[in-house]
Protein backbone atom coordinates (compact mmCIF):
# COMPACT_ATOMS: atom_id res chain seq x y z
CA VAL A 1 -8.71 -15.12 -17.67
CA LEU A 2 -5.29 -14.53 -19.29
CA PRO A 3 -2.86 -17.41 -18.64
CA LEU A 4 0.85 -16.51 -18.36
CA THR A 5 3.94 -18.41 -17.41
CA VAL A 6 6.27 -16.91 -14.80
CA ILE A 7 9.66 -18.52 -14.40
CA THR A 8 11.18 -18.17 -11.00
CA GLN A 9 14.67 -19.30 -9.87
CA VAL A 10 15.31 -19.89 -6.19
CA ALA A 11 18.70 -20.38 -4.52
CA LEU A 12 19.22 -22.91 -1.80
CA LEU A 13 17.99 -21.85 1.66
CA GLU A 14 21.23 -21.81 3.62
CA THR A 15 19.88 -22.65 6.96
CA SER A 16 19.57 -25.72 9.30
CA SER A 17 17.64 -26.84 12.33
CA SER A 18 20.67 -26.10 14.57
CA ARG A 19 20.81 -22.55 13.23
CA LEU A 20 17.17 -22.16 13.90
CA LEU A 21 17.74 -23.44 17.44
CA SER A 22 20.34 -20.73 18.08
CA GLU A 23 18.07 -17.99 16.64
CA SER A 24 14.80 -18.96 18.25
CA GLY A 25 13.32 -19.42 21.66
CA ALA A 26 12.60 -17.15 24.60
CA GLY A 27 14.71 -16.88 27.71
CA GLY A 28 17.35 -19.16 26.30
CA GLU A 29 14.94 -22.00 25.58
CA PRO A 30 14.99 -22.98 21.88
CA ASN A 31 11.68 -23.36 20.00
CA VAL A 32 12.19 -24.85 16.59
CA GLY A 33 8.48 -25.21 15.95
CA GLU A 34 7.93 -21.37 16.38
CA ALA A 35 10.94 -20.62 14.18
CA ILE A 36 9.58 -22.84 11.44
CA LYS A 37 6.23 -21.11 11.58
CA ASN A 38 8.07 -17.75 11.24
CA LEU A 39 10.03 -19.08 8.29
CA ILE A 40 6.83 -20.19 6.54
CA TYR A 41 5.20 -16.81 7.36
CA ASP A 42 8.11 -15.00 5.72
CA PHE A 43 8.65 -17.19 2.67
CA GLY A 44 5.46 -19.19 2.25
CA THR A 45 5.37 -22.95 1.83
CA HIS A 46 5.82 -23.36 -1.90
CA VAL A 47 7.46 -21.84 -5.03
CA CYS A 48 4.94 -21.73 -7.92
CA PRO A 49 6.67 -21.25 -11.26
CA HIS A 50 3.41 -21.46 -13.16
CA VAL A 51 0.60 -19.09 -12.15
CA VAL A 52 -2.55 -17.68 -13.90
CA LEU A 53 -2.85 -13.93 -14.02
CA GLY A 54 -6.04 -12.02 -14.80
CA GLY A 55 -9.12 -11.34 -12.78
CA TRP A 56 -12.51 -12.69 -11.59
CA TRP A 57 -15.84 -11.14 -10.74
CA SER A 58 -18.22 -13.12 -8.55
CA VAL A 59 -21.92 -12.28 -8.05
CA ARG A 60 -23.92 -14.47 -5.65
CA ALA A 61 -27.46 -14.20 -4.50
CA LYS A 62 -28.75 -15.61 -1.21
CA PHE A 63 -32.56 -16.05 -0.86
CA LYS A 64 -34.20 -16.61 2.44
CA SER A 65 -38.00 -17.07 3.12
CA ILE A 66 -40.15 -18.00 6.15
CA GLU A 67 -42.56 -19.70 3.81
CA LYS A 68 -42.09 -22.48 1.24
CA GLN A 69 -41.28 -21.29 -2.26
CA ARG A 70 -41.25 -23.09 -5.60
CA PHE A 71 -37.78 -23.72 -6.84
CA ILE A 72 -38.53 -22.20 -10.22
CA ASP A 73 -39.73 -18.98 -8.48
CA VAL A 74 -36.57 -18.75 -6.41
CA ASP A 75 -34.30 -19.53 -9.33
CA LYS A 76 -36.01 -16.73 -11.45
CA ALA A 77 -35.78 -14.23 -8.61
CA THR A 78 -32.07 -14.89 -7.89
CA THR A 79 -31.17 -14.94 -11.61
CA GLU A 80 -32.82 -11.55 -12.22
CA ALA A 81 -31.16 -10.13 -9.05
CA ILE A 82 -27.72 -11.22 -10.25
CA GLN A 83 -28.26 -9.88 -13.78
CA ASN A 84 -29.45 -6.54 -12.43
CA ALA A 85 -26.49 -6.27 -9.99
CA ALA A 86 -23.97 -7.08 -12.74
CA SER A 87 -25.48 -4.52 -15.19
CA ASP A 88 -27.92 -1.86 -14.13
CA SER A 89 -26.65 -1.26 -10.63
CA MET A 90 -22.98 -1.12 -11.43
CA GLY A 91 -21.05 1.44 -13.34
CA VAL A 92 -19.47 4.92 -12.78
CA ALA A 93 -20.83 8.30 -12.05
CA ALA A 94 -18.85 10.46 -14.47
CA GLU A 95 -16.63 10.56 -17.51
CA GLY A 96 -12.92 9.99 -17.06
CA GLN A 97 -10.28 7.32 -16.70
CA TYR A 98 -11.07 4.39 -14.44
CA LYS A 99 -8.20 1.93 -13.84
CA GLY A 100 -6.91 2.85 -17.35
CA VAL A 101 -10.39 2.42 -19.01
CA LYS A 102 -12.17 5.43 -20.62
CA VAL A 103 -15.50 5.74 -18.89
CA SER A 104 -18.71 7.24 -20.38
CA ALA A 105 -21.17 9.26 -18.41
CA SER A 106 -23.91 7.05 -19.63
CA TYR A 107 -23.14 4.61 -16.82
CA GLU A 108 -24.60 5.71 -13.45
CA SER A 109 -24.18 4.34 -9.92
CA SER A 110 -23.93 5.62 -6.44
CA LYS A 111 -21.50 2.80 -5.54
CA ALA A 112 -18.55 3.86 -7.60
CA SER A 113 -16.65 6.94 -8.69
CA ALA A 114 -14.49 7.84 -11.74
CA ASN A 115 -11.32 8.05 -9.69
CA GLY A 116 -11.53 4.46 -8.54
CA ASN A 117 -11.45 5.19 -4.84
CA SER A 118 -14.84 3.74 -3.82
CA LYS A 119 -13.74 0.08 -4.37
CA THR A 120 -10.39 -1.55 -4.50
CA GLN A 121 -9.41 -4.83 -6.07
CA GLY A 122 -10.44 -7.77 -3.94
CA GLU A 123 -13.20 -5.92 -2.16
CA LYS A 124 -16.82 -6.95 -2.06
CA ASP A 125 -20.17 -5.16 -2.18
CA THR A 126 -23.32 -6.41 -0.53
CA THR A 127 -26.84 -5.34 -1.37
CA GLN A 128 -29.86 -6.49 0.68
CA GLY A 129 -33.50 -6.35 -0.12
CA ALA A 130 -36.49 -7.78 1.77
CA ASP A 131 -40.27 -8.02 1.88
CA LYS A 132 -42.59 -9.29 4.49
CA ASP A 133 -42.00 -13.02 3.89
CA SER A 134 -38.48 -13.24 2.19
CA SER A 135 -35.14 -11.62 1.81
CA MET A 136 -32.53 -11.34 -0.85
CA GLU A 137 -28.80 -10.62 -0.40
CA ILE A 138 -26.49 -9.93 -3.38
CA GLU A 139 -22.78 -10.21 -2.78
CA GLN A 140 -20.19 -9.16 -5.36
CA LYS A 141 -16.55 -9.81 -5.13
CA TRP A 142 -13.66 -8.68 -7.48
CA LYS A 143 -10.08 -9.65 -7.78
CA GLY A 144 -8.15 -7.98 -10.59
CA GLY A 145 -9.47 -5.53 -13.10
CA ALA A 146 -11.49 -2.39 -12.32
CA SER A 147 -14.09 -3.10 -9.74
CA GLY A 148 -17.27 -0.99 -9.71
CA THR A 149 -17.70 -0.87 -13.49
CA SER A 150 -20.04 -2.52 -16.02
CA PRO A 151 -19.07 -6.05 -17.16
CA GLU A 152 -17.87 -4.68 -20.55
CA LEU A 153 -15.62 -2.10 -18.99
CA TRP A 154 -14.39 -4.67 -16.47
CA ARG A 155 -13.31 -7.01 -19.29
CA LYS A 156 -11.53 -4.12 -21.07
CA SER A 157 -9.63 -3.31 -17.79
CA LEU A 158 -7.97 -6.73 -18.14
CA ASP A 159 -6.61 -6.08 -21.59
CA SER A 160 -2.94 -6.89 -22.18
CA SER A 161 -2.11 -3.23 -22.35
CA LEU A 162 -3.44 -2.80 -18.79
CA SER A 163 -1.45 -5.67 -17.19
CA SER A 164 -1.00 -3.64 -14.01
CA ASN A 165 -4.65 -4.55 -13.23
CA TRP A 166 -3.94 -8.24 -13.27
CA LYS A 167 -3.85 -10.34 -10.15
CA THR A 168 -2.74 -13.95 -9.45
CA ILE A 169 -5.97 -15.84 -9.54
CA SER A 170 -4.56 -19.39 -9.59
CA ARG A 171 -1.25 -20.83 -8.41
CA LYS A 172 -1.98 -24.48 -9.27
CA LEU A 173 -0.64 -26.02 -6.12
CA GLU A 174 -0.13 -29.38 -7.82
CA MET A 175 2.53 -27.75 -10.04
CA CYS A 176 4.30 -25.91 -7.12
CA GLU A 177 7.49 -26.98 -5.36
CA GLY A 178 7.65 -27.15 -1.53
CA ILE A 179 10.34 -24.92 -0.16
CA TRP A 180 11.76 -27.82 1.77
CA ILE A 181 13.28 -29.25 -1.45
CA PHE A 182 15.72 -26.31 -1.39
CA VAL A 183 16.82 -27.08 2.18
CA GLU A 184 19.91 -29.32 2.62
CA ASP A 185 19.44 -30.03 6.28
CA GLU A 186 17.33 -33.29 6.39
CA ASP A 187 15.84 -32.61 9.79
CA LEU A 188 14.75 -29.12 8.92
CA LYS A 189 13.45 -30.35 5.55
CA GLN A 190 11.20 -32.95 7.26
CA ARG A 191 9.90 -30.47 9.83
CA LEU A 192 8.97 -27.88 7.19
CA CYS A 193 7.07 -30.46 5.15
CA GLU A 194 5.25 -31.75 8.18
CA GLU A 195 4.21 -28.29 9.17
CA TRP A 196 2.81 -27.64 5.72
CA ILE A 197 0.89 -30.94 5.74
CA GLY A 198 -0.65 -30.09 9.00
CA MET A 199 -1.72 -26.57 7.79
CA TYR A 200 -3.06 -28.03 4.58
CA LEU A 201 -5.10 -30.75 6.15
CA LYS A 202 -6.42 -28.26 8.78
CA SER A 203 -7.64 -25.98 5.92
CA LEU A 204 -9.66 -28.88 4.56
CA GLY A 205 -11.08 -29.79 8.01
CA LEU A 206 -9.06 -33.07 8.07
CA HIS A 207 -6.82 -34.51 10.66
CA ALA A 208 -3.29 -35.81 9.96
CA ARG A 209 -4.00 -38.93 12.05
CA LYS A 210 -6.50 -40.07 9.48
CA MET A 211 -3.83 -40.12 6.73
CA ALA A 212 -1.81 -43.19 5.94
CA PRO A 213 1.85 -42.80 7.14
CA ASN A 214 3.27 -43.58 3.71
CA VAL A 215 1.26 -40.74 2.14
CA GLU A 216 2.94 -38.25 4.38
CA GLN A 217 6.40 -39.82 3.83
CA GLN A 218 5.96 -39.68 0.05
CA ALA A 219 4.65 -36.17 0.14
CA CYS A 220 7.85 -34.94 1.89
CA ALA A 221 10.07 -37.15 -0.36
CA ASN A 222 9.33 -35.74 -3.76
CA THR A 223 6.96 -33.46 -5.72
CA ARG A 224 4.99 -36.43 -7.15
CA GLY A 225 4.29 -37.57 -3.59
CA MET A 226 3.15 -34.05 -2.66
CA ARG A 227 0.68 -34.14 -5.64
CA ASP A 228 -0.60 -37.54 -4.49
CA LEU A 229 -1.36 -35.95 -1.07
CA ILE A 230 -3.27 -33.11 -2.77
CA ALA A 231 -5.27 -35.65 -4.79
CA TRP A 232 -5.85 -37.74 -1.64
């Protein structure tokens, strides 16, 4: 993971709830809630001046059996399956340049090609195997770097000279600023914050009614309050 700091300057959003009223609604009926959702869709909910750029590669094994198995046996089987998936079964089929990395013909796989077209960044690959009593599913996901290569080549594809392969892998929400702090209209500022709180709690499977009123008020009042909500 290669940490970098990105500085972003944002001008004030010159809008207001009254302007949204005049620009939204169907058949002459204003719909501020829908306009706020559109605003969030277009601009997001936060400005994150500090992000982590790089890549990650995740390999997971799911083991299922109709009979009881010893934990040590399952652990051994899944560990071996993950190791095989991350080494022997991955690679490229021919020499050439793959996402800026020189590839040797010594790596072989039917799941990738030297031109990089078989897998794109962020995609996943799932391999299944089964016998009479159990089954194993291996799932691999990539974000950033050259997917479909060996671990060694994947790491090389994240070198500083190949920064075009980097992706944003962490935005550190607790260090972000809500877009409502750039809005001068107090009513619109509150509505934007409340919309984000509802979306955030829903993503966690929580309900806003279970939250203390002062937590929501502080979250909308300042960045420290927003961080307290995240910690809550």
